[in-house]
Amino acid sequence: MDAVRVALLREVLAGTEWLGATRRFAGVLRGSVVTHGGGLLLVGTPQYEPWHLAAHLVDEAAWSGTPELAPTLVRHDARPSDPAHLAVGPGRLEAARRGETLLVVAPAEPAPLLQRVHDARRAGVTVLALGAGGGELESMAHETLAVPQGAELDLDSVQHLVSAAAGENAGPPRSRRRFRDRLSRLAEALTAPPPAPW
């Protein structure tokens, strides 16, 4: 789905909860990866791999100047002979650590996936989930956007809205120096002599 179709979809959805929900979720996603300097892992289920979302996030990362949005697609049936961007298997989830973000796109919740997500969360990974909602994945995730069966939108359309919103208004990447600068300005204001009375 290109930018024109996303814009048309947004027009159709004006006044519904979907626009706010997808922008909020995208903001959490962007905030998580930018704050930690990247490390976005994207995984689906063995039957549903979100390769299309991965491609859109790579595009949004380039267009918005936010390279942290470019994900590593984790595939359940990856083989060493696959191209490098498609050869990352589930073992990558076991190696995930604090500071990384795991985005799970799952219309169903197979037990092996849930166990890997649980282990990643215990290792300190921030877990975000797009799926049917109401299951174990929702309780494990730090942030969830539920797309229940029979909703006005399907999971694919929601992914398009999320990826487009993730690249919007990204602004300049945050850095630790900005925090230190603010802290320094606050310290200066607190230690400065009071203004002279008029």
Foldseek 3Di string as FASTA:
>chain_A
DDPVVLVVVCVVCPPHCLLVLLLVLLVVVLVLQLVLVAAEEEEEDQVDFVVVLLVLQCVLCVVLVNVNSRYQGEHCPADPPDPPSRRHYLVVLLVAAASHEYEYEYQDDDPVVLVSLQNSVVRRYAYEYEYQDDDPSNVSHPYYDHDHPPDPDDSVSSSVSNSVSNSPPSPDRDDVVVVVVVVVVVVCVVPPDDDDDD
